[in-house]
Protein backbone atom coordinates (compact mmCIF):
# COMPACT_ATOMS: atom_id res chain seq x y z
CA MET A 1 -14.97 -67.33 -7.78
CA ARG A 2 -17.34 -65.02 -9.79
CA GLY A 3 -20.52 -66.71 -10.92
CA TYR A 4 -20.89 -68.75 -7.88
CA SER A 5 -23.60 -68.26 -5.23
CA ILE A 6 -22.50 -67.57 -1.64
CA GLU A 7 -23.74 -70.96 -0.62
CA GLU A 8 -21.70 -72.72 -3.35
CA ARG A 9 -18.58 -70.78 -2.42
CA ALA A 10 -19.05 -71.61 1.33
CA ASN A 11 -19.50 -75.28 0.55
CA GLN A 12 -16.38 -75.37 -1.85
CA LEU A 13 -14.29 -73.55 0.81
CA ALA A 14 -15.52 -75.95 3.54
CA HIS A 15 -14.60 -79.00 1.47
CA TYR A 16 -11.30 -77.53 0.53
CA ILE A 17 -10.32 -76.84 4.10
CA ILE A 18 -11.39 -80.31 5.20
CA ASP A 19 -9.52 -82.06 2.36
CA SER A 20 -6.35 -80.05 2.42
CA LYS A 21 -6.29 -78.92 6.07
CA ASP A 22 -5.14 -75.59 4.77
CA THR A 23 -5.37 -72.31 6.62
CA VAL A 24 -7.94 -69.58 6.09
CA ARG A 25 -5.18 -67.53 4.49
CA GLY A 26 -4.25 -70.38 2.18
CA ALA A 27 -7.87 -70.97 1.16
CA ALA A 28 -8.33 -67.27 0.55
CA LYS A 29 -5.36 -67.17 -1.85
CA LYS A 30 -6.46 -70.34 -3.62
CA PHE A 31 -10.06 -69.07 -4.20
CA GLY A 32 -9.19 -65.49 -4.83
CA VAL A 33 -11.24 -64.00 -2.07
CA SER A 34 -10.35 -62.15 1.19
CA LYS A 35 -9.46 -63.83 4.47
CA SER A 36 -12.49 -62.04 5.95
CA THR A 37 -14.82 -63.65 3.29
CA VAL A 38 -13.34 -67.13 3.99
CA HIS A 39 -13.72 -66.68 7.68
CA LYS A 40 -17.30 -65.48 7.44
CA ASP A 41 -18.28 -68.26 5.06
CA LEU A 42 -16.76 -70.97 7.32
CA SER A 43 -17.78 -69.58 10.64
CA GLU A 44 -21.23 -68.18 10.05
CA ARG A 45 -22.73 -69.01 6.64
CA ILE A 46 -21.83 -72.78 6.50
CA VAL A 47 -23.45 -73.26 9.89
CA LYS A 48 -26.79 -72.35 8.41
CA ILE A 49 -26.19 -74.17 5.13
CA ASN A 50 -24.75 -77.51 6.35
CA PRO A 51 -24.28 -77.91 10.19
CA ALA A 52 -22.56 -81.26 9.90
CA LEU A 53 -20.01 -79.89 7.43
CA ALA A 54 -19.52 -76.79 9.63
CA ALA A 55 -18.65 -79.09 12.62
CA GLU A 56 -15.87 -80.73 10.55
CA VAL A 57 -14.54 -77.42 9.40
CA ARG A 58 -14.61 -76.01 12.97
CA LEU A 59 -12.29 -78.87 14.01
CA ILE A 60 -9.73 -77.90 11.37
CA LEU A 61 -10.02 -74.21 12.14
CA ASP A 62 -9.54 -74.81 15.84
CA GLU A 63 -6.50 -76.96 15.19
CA ASN A 64 -5.06 -74.31 12.93
CA LYS A 65 -5.69 -71.60 15.53
CA ALA A 66 -3.98 -73.69 18.26
CA GLU A 67 -0.91 -74.16 15.98
CA ARG A 68 -0.55 -70.63 14.69
CA HIS A 69 1.87 -69.47 17.35
CA ILE A 70 4.20 -72.35 16.41
CA ARG A 71 3.96 -71.37 12.71
CA GLY A 72 4.66 -67.74 13.56
CA GLY A 73 7.67 -68.74 15.57
CA MET A 74 9.06 -70.84 12.79
CA ALA A 75 8.50 -68.05 10.31
CA THR A 76 10.42 -65.65 12.56
CA LYS A 77 13.17 -68.19 12.98
CA MET A 78 13.49 -68.61 9.20
CA LYS A 79 13.51 -64.83 8.70
CA TYR A 80 16.51 -64.35 11.07
CA ILE A 81 18.36 -67.38 9.58
CA HIS A 82 18.10 -65.78 6.10
CA GLN A 83 19.10 -62.42 7.43
CA LYS A 84 22.15 -63.98 9.05
CA GLU A 85 23.03 -65.71 5.84
CA ASP A 86 22.67 -62.54 3.79
CA LYS A 87 25.13 -60.65 6.06
CA ALA A 88 27.63 -63.46 6.15
CA GLY A 89 27.52 -64.26 2.45
């Protein structure tokens, strides 16, 4: 993401999150920046740059936050399934 202004990066991140419905962690990996940077861009900077876009992003981020305990539970379940398979096989 070098060579971009902070405003351009925030806009690109916002559009990416809206289009893909990806998580902050996924967006950070895709754009090669930290989760903290993505979070700051989407929760603080984009509000000042484009409030309408910020409202759309907020809906996605809130949805992801509401579902994260389910994703964590599924990840833990898969971890133990794989551990059980490794011991058996």
